[in-house]
């Protein structure tokens, strides 16, 4: 375990936003508590009122608007040191929008899982599918043009879950419509979720979270 805790990923500060650094600094000074359930990810996670939605004070929001898989790697120590009961990871859509390849996204997620599992082997790790997108809102074009890449990442994660210490959760299927786009009742910009979208997400993960 000591050796695993020495594994450090440090990326240039310039890679991440001011908001990212603000959030990471806050997370580091928050009290360490037991039985934590960590929601880890980007703006879609950041936007959720998780403890309220599940009526569970053990749920902690570690979403950061705009985050990428390298950003999670850069801050995974803070999560691992808490020895949480469970971690729910959702990351990758911003990577793809930046032109980062599906293979690189999957590689980083594998590293996140490996570091977390080695540092906190009792933590249950859940890796969630990247969510569908919808280009019809004509917003976030860099994100909504990556449908094929999203499917590729999700399939790779599903396949890897058979041999790596995480459970794959398919949220994608519950949010997509018959055209292959995020169902417009769940979004108003093609990327982020409305309340009904969060409820659909909750329905997929609640048996594993509770």
Protein backbone atom coordinates (compact mmCIF):
# COMPACT_ATOMS: atom_id res chain seq x y z
CA UNK A 1 0.00 0.00 0.00
CA UNK A 2 2.81 2.44 0.86
CA UNK A 3 4.32 1.94 -2.57
CA UNK A 4 0.99 2.63 -4.27
CA UNK A 5 0.59 5.89 -2.36
CA UNK A 6 3.93 7.08 -3.78
CA UNK A 7 2.57 6.98 -7.33
CA UNK A 8 2.02 10.61 -8.29
CA UNK A 9 0.66 12.10 -11.47
CA UNK A 10 1.45 15.79 -11.75
CA UNK A 11 0.53 17.76 -14.81
CA UNK A 12 1.34 21.43 -15.57
CA UNK A 13 -0.95 23.83 -13.71
CA UNK A 14 -1.63 25.57 -17.02
CA UNK A 15 -3.47 22.48 -18.26
CA UNK A 16 -6.34 23.17 -15.87
CA UNK A 17 -8.67 26.09 -15.22
CA UNK A 18 -8.69 28.50 -12.29
CA UNK A 19 -11.92 26.84 -11.17
CA UNK A 20 -10.21 23.43 -11.22
CA UNK A 21 -7.48 24.70 -8.89
CA UNK A 22 -10.04 26.35 -6.62
CA UNK A 23 -12.00 23.12 -6.27
CA UNK A 24 -8.93 20.95 -5.70
CA UNK A 25 -7.70 23.34 -3.01
CA UNK A 26 -11.09 23.15 -1.30
CA UNK A 27 -11.28 19.35 -1.48
CA UNK A 28 -7.89 19.06 0.21
CA UNK A 29 -8.99 20.99 3.31
CA UNK A 30 -12.41 19.41 3.79
CA UNK A 31 -12.73 17.08 6.81
CA UNK A 32 -11.96 13.41 6.30
CA UNK A 33 -14.97 11.30 7.18
CA UNK A 34 -15.81 7.60 7.05
CA UNK A 35 -18.11 5.67 4.73
CA UNK A 36 -17.81 8.30 2.00
CA UNK A 37 -19.41 7.78 -1.39
CA UNK A 38 -17.50 9.91 -3.88
CA UNK A 39 -19.06 11.22 -7.08
CA UNK A 40 -16.02 11.94 -9.24
CA UNK A 41 -16.07 13.65 -12.62
CA UNK A 42 -16.65 16.80 -14.65
CA UNK A 43 -19.43 19.41 -14.90
CA UNK A 44 -22.17 16.81 -15.22
CA UNK A 45 -21.20 15.40 -11.83
CA UNK A 46 -20.42 18.86 -10.45
CA UNK A 47 -24.00 19.92 -11.23
CA UNK A 48 -25.65 17.18 -9.17
CA UNK A 49 -27.04 17.74 -5.67
CA UNK A 50 -26.10 14.20 -4.73
CA UNK A 51 -26.54 14.08 -0.97
CA UNK A 52 -29.94 15.72 -1.34
CA UNK A 53 -31.02 13.58 -4.28
CA UNK A 54 -30.22 10.32 -2.49
CA UNK A 55 -30.96 11.64 1.01
CA UNK A 56 -27.53 10.39 2.04
CA UNK A 57 -25.06 12.69 3.83
CA UNK A 58 -22.17 10.32 3.08
CA UNK A 59 -22.20 11.31 -0.61
CA UNK A 60 -19.48 13.80 -1.51
CA UNK A 61 -19.35 15.71 -4.79
CA UNK A 62 -15.91 15.69 -6.40
CA UNK A 63 -17.05 16.89 -9.81
CA UNK A 64 -15.18 19.78 -11.44
CA UNK A 65 -16.61 21.71 -14.35
CA UNK A 66 -14.48 21.15 -17.46
CA UNK A 67 -12.40 18.34 -16.00
CA UNK A 68 -10.67 15.73 -18.11
CA UNK A 69 -9.24 12.31 -17.31
CA UNK A 70 -5.77 13.80 -16.75
CA UNK A 71 -7.34 16.20 -14.26
CA UNK A 72 -8.79 13.30 -12.28
CA UNK A 73 -5.40 11.55 -12.37
CA UNK A 74 -3.81 14.75 -11.12
CA UNK A 75 -6.11 14.83 -8.06
CA UNK A 76 -6.88 11.15 -7.41
CA UNK A 77 -4.63 11.10 -4.32
CA UNK A 78 -7.10 13.31 -2.44
CA UNK A 79 -9.85 10.78 -3.12
CA UNK A 80 -7.74 7.71 -2.37
CA UNK A 81 -6.48 9.10 0.95
CA UNK A 82 -10.06 9.27 2.20
CA UNK A 83 -10.44 5.49 1.82
CA UNK A 84 -14.02 5.95 0.60
CA UNK A 85 -16.54 3.14 0.63
CA UNK A 86 -17.45 3.73 -3.02
CA UNK A 87 -16.36 5.88 -5.94
CA UNK A 88 -18.54 6.62 -8.97
CA UNK A 89 -16.42 7.93 -11.85
CA UNK A 90 -17.76 9.73 -14.93
CA UNK A 91 -15.08 11.26 -17.14
CA UNK A 92 -14.06 11.53 -20.79
CA UNK A 93 -16.46 13.72 -22.72
CA UNK A 94 -14.25 16.81 -22.36
CA UNK A 95 -11.21 14.77 -23.40
CA UNK A 96 -12.90 13.76 -26.63
CA UNK A 97 -13.97 17.37 -27.28
CA UNK A 98 -10.31 18.39 -26.98
CA UNK A 99 -9.32 15.84 -29.60
CA UNK A 100 -7.87 13.33 -27.14
CA UNK A 101 -8.23 9.83 -28.55
CA UNK A 102 -10.62 7.22 -27.13
CA UNK A 103 -7.63 4.97 -26.42
CA UNK A 104 -5.96 7.70 -24.35
CA UNK A 105 -9.16 8.28 -22.38
CA UNK A 106 -9.43 4.58 -21.60
CA UNK A 107 -5.75 4.41 -20.65
CA UNK A 108 -6.17 7.26 -18.17
CA UNK A 109 -9.29 5.70 -16.67
CA UNK A 110 -7.36 2.45 -16.23
CA UNK A 111 -4.67 4.39 -14.36
CA UNK A 112 -7.26 6.10 -12.16
CA UNK A 113 -8.76 2.73 -11.26
CA UNK A 114 -5.35 1.16 -10.63
CA UNK A 115 -4.13 3.94 -8.34
CA UNK A 116 -7.37 4.07 -6.40
CA UNK A 117 -7.56 0.29 -5.99
CA UNK A 118 -3.94 -0.03 -4.85
CA UNK A 119 -4.21 2.82 -2.36
CA UNK A 120 -7.65 1.82 -1.07
CA UNK A 121 -8.36 -1.83 -1.96
CA UNK A 122 -11.63 -1.97 -0.02
CA UNK A 123 -13.13 0.87 -2.05
CA UNK A 124 -15.76 -0.27 -4.54
CA UNK A 125 -15.12 1.46 -7.87
CA UNK A 126 -17.89 2.11 -10.39
CA UNK A 127 -16.98 3.48 -13.82
CA UNK A 128 -19.94 5.00 -15.61
CA UNK A 129 -20.40 5.20 -19.35
CA UNK A 130 -19.85 8.54 -21.05
CA UNK A 131 -23.29 10.00 -21.69
CA UNK A 132 -24.84 10.50 -25.14
CA UNK A 133 -24.85 13.96 -26.73
CA UNK A 134 -27.26 15.84 -28.97
CA UNK A 135 -26.06 18.22 -31.68
CA UNK A 136 -29.54 19.53 -32.52
CA UNK A 137 -29.22 22.25 -29.86
CA UNK A 138 -26.27 23.68 -31.83
CA UNK A 139 -24.19 24.11 -28.71
CA UNK A 140 -20.95 22.44 -27.58
CA UNK A 141 -20.11 21.35 -31.12
CA UNK A 142 -16.76 19.93 -30.04
CA UNK A 143 -18.60 17.58 -27.70
CA UNK A 144 -21.68 16.72 -29.72
CA UNK A 145 -19.66 15.69 -32.79
CA UNK A 146 -18.05 12.79 -30.89
CA UNK A 147 -20.85 10.22 -30.89
CA UNK A 148 -18.75 7.43 -32.40
CA UNK A 149 -15.86 8.09 -30.03
CA UNK A 150 -18.19 8.01 -27.02
CA UNK A 151 -19.51 4.61 -28.08
CA UNK A 152 -15.94 3.37 -28.58
CA UNK A 153 -14.85 4.43 -25.09
CA UNK A 154 -17.94 2.91 -23.52
CA UNK A 155 -17.44 -0.42 -25.26
CA UNK A 156 -13.80 -0.53 -24.18
CA UNK A 157 -14.73 0.21 -20.57
CA UNK A 158 -17.41 -2.45 -20.61
CA UNK A 159 -14.91 -5.00 -21.93
CA UNK A 160 -12.25 -4.03 -19.39
CA UNK A 161 -14.61 -4.41 -16.45
CA UNK A 162 -14.36 -8.18 -16.81
CA UNK A 163 -10.68 -8.14 -15.88
CA UNK A 164 -10.13 -4.96 -13.84
CA UNK A 165 -11.34 -4.07 -10.32
CA UNK A 166 -14.30 -1.90 -11.27
CA UNK A 167 -17.98 -2.29 -12.12
CA UNK A 168 -19.13 -0.75 -15.40
CA UNK A 169 -22.44 1.10 -15.20
CA UNK A 170 -24.27 1.75 -18.47
CA UNK A 171 -26.05 5.08 -18.00
CA UNK A 172 -25.79 5.86 -21.73
CA UNK A 173 -28.64 3.53 -22.68
CA UNK A 174 -31.05 5.19 -20.26
CA UNK A 175 -30.36 8.66 -21.67
CA UNK A 176 -30.22 7.99 -25.42
CA UNK A 177 -33.21 8.19 -27.76
CA UNK A 178 -34.06 6.14 -30.85
CA UNK A 179 -31.96 8.45 -33.07
CA UNK A 180 -28.78 7.85 -31.07
CA UNK A 181 -28.87 11.29 -29.46
CA UNK A 182 -29.34 12.29 -25.85
CA UNK A 183 -33.09 12.37 -25.32
CA UNK A 184 -34.09 16.06 -25.52
CA UNK A 185 -36.29 15.69 -22.44
CA UNK A 186 -33.09 15.23 -20.43
CA UNK A 187 -31.09 18.22 -21.72
CA UNK A 188 -31.41 21.77 -22.96
CA UNK A 189 -27.96 22.12 -24.50
CA UNK A 190 -27.12 18.65 -25.82
CA UNK A 191 -24.49 17.91 -23.16
CA UNK A 192 -25.62 18.78 -19.62
CA UNK A 193 -28.61 17.37 -17.79
CA UNK A 194 -31.93 18.78 -16.72
CA UNK A 195 -33.62 17.52 -13.56
CA UNK A 196 -35.29 14.63 -15.37
CA UNK A 197 -31.90 13.59 -16.68
CA UNK A 198 -30.47 13.43 -13.19
CA UNK A 199 -33.43 11.33 -12.07
CA UNK A 200 -32.85 8.91 -14.96
CA UNK A 201 -29.18 8.70 -13.98
CA UNK A 202 -30.12 8.14 -10.35
CA UNK A 203 -32.35 5.23 -11.32
CA UNK A 204 -29.43 3.44 -13.00
CA UNK A 205 -26.97 3.75 -10.13
CA UNK A 206 -29.12 3.76 -7.00
CA UNK A 207 -28.99 0.02 -6.26
CA UNK A 208 -25.17 0.15 -6.35
CA UNK A 209 -24.96 3.42 -4.45
CA UNK A 210 -27.26 2.53 -1.56
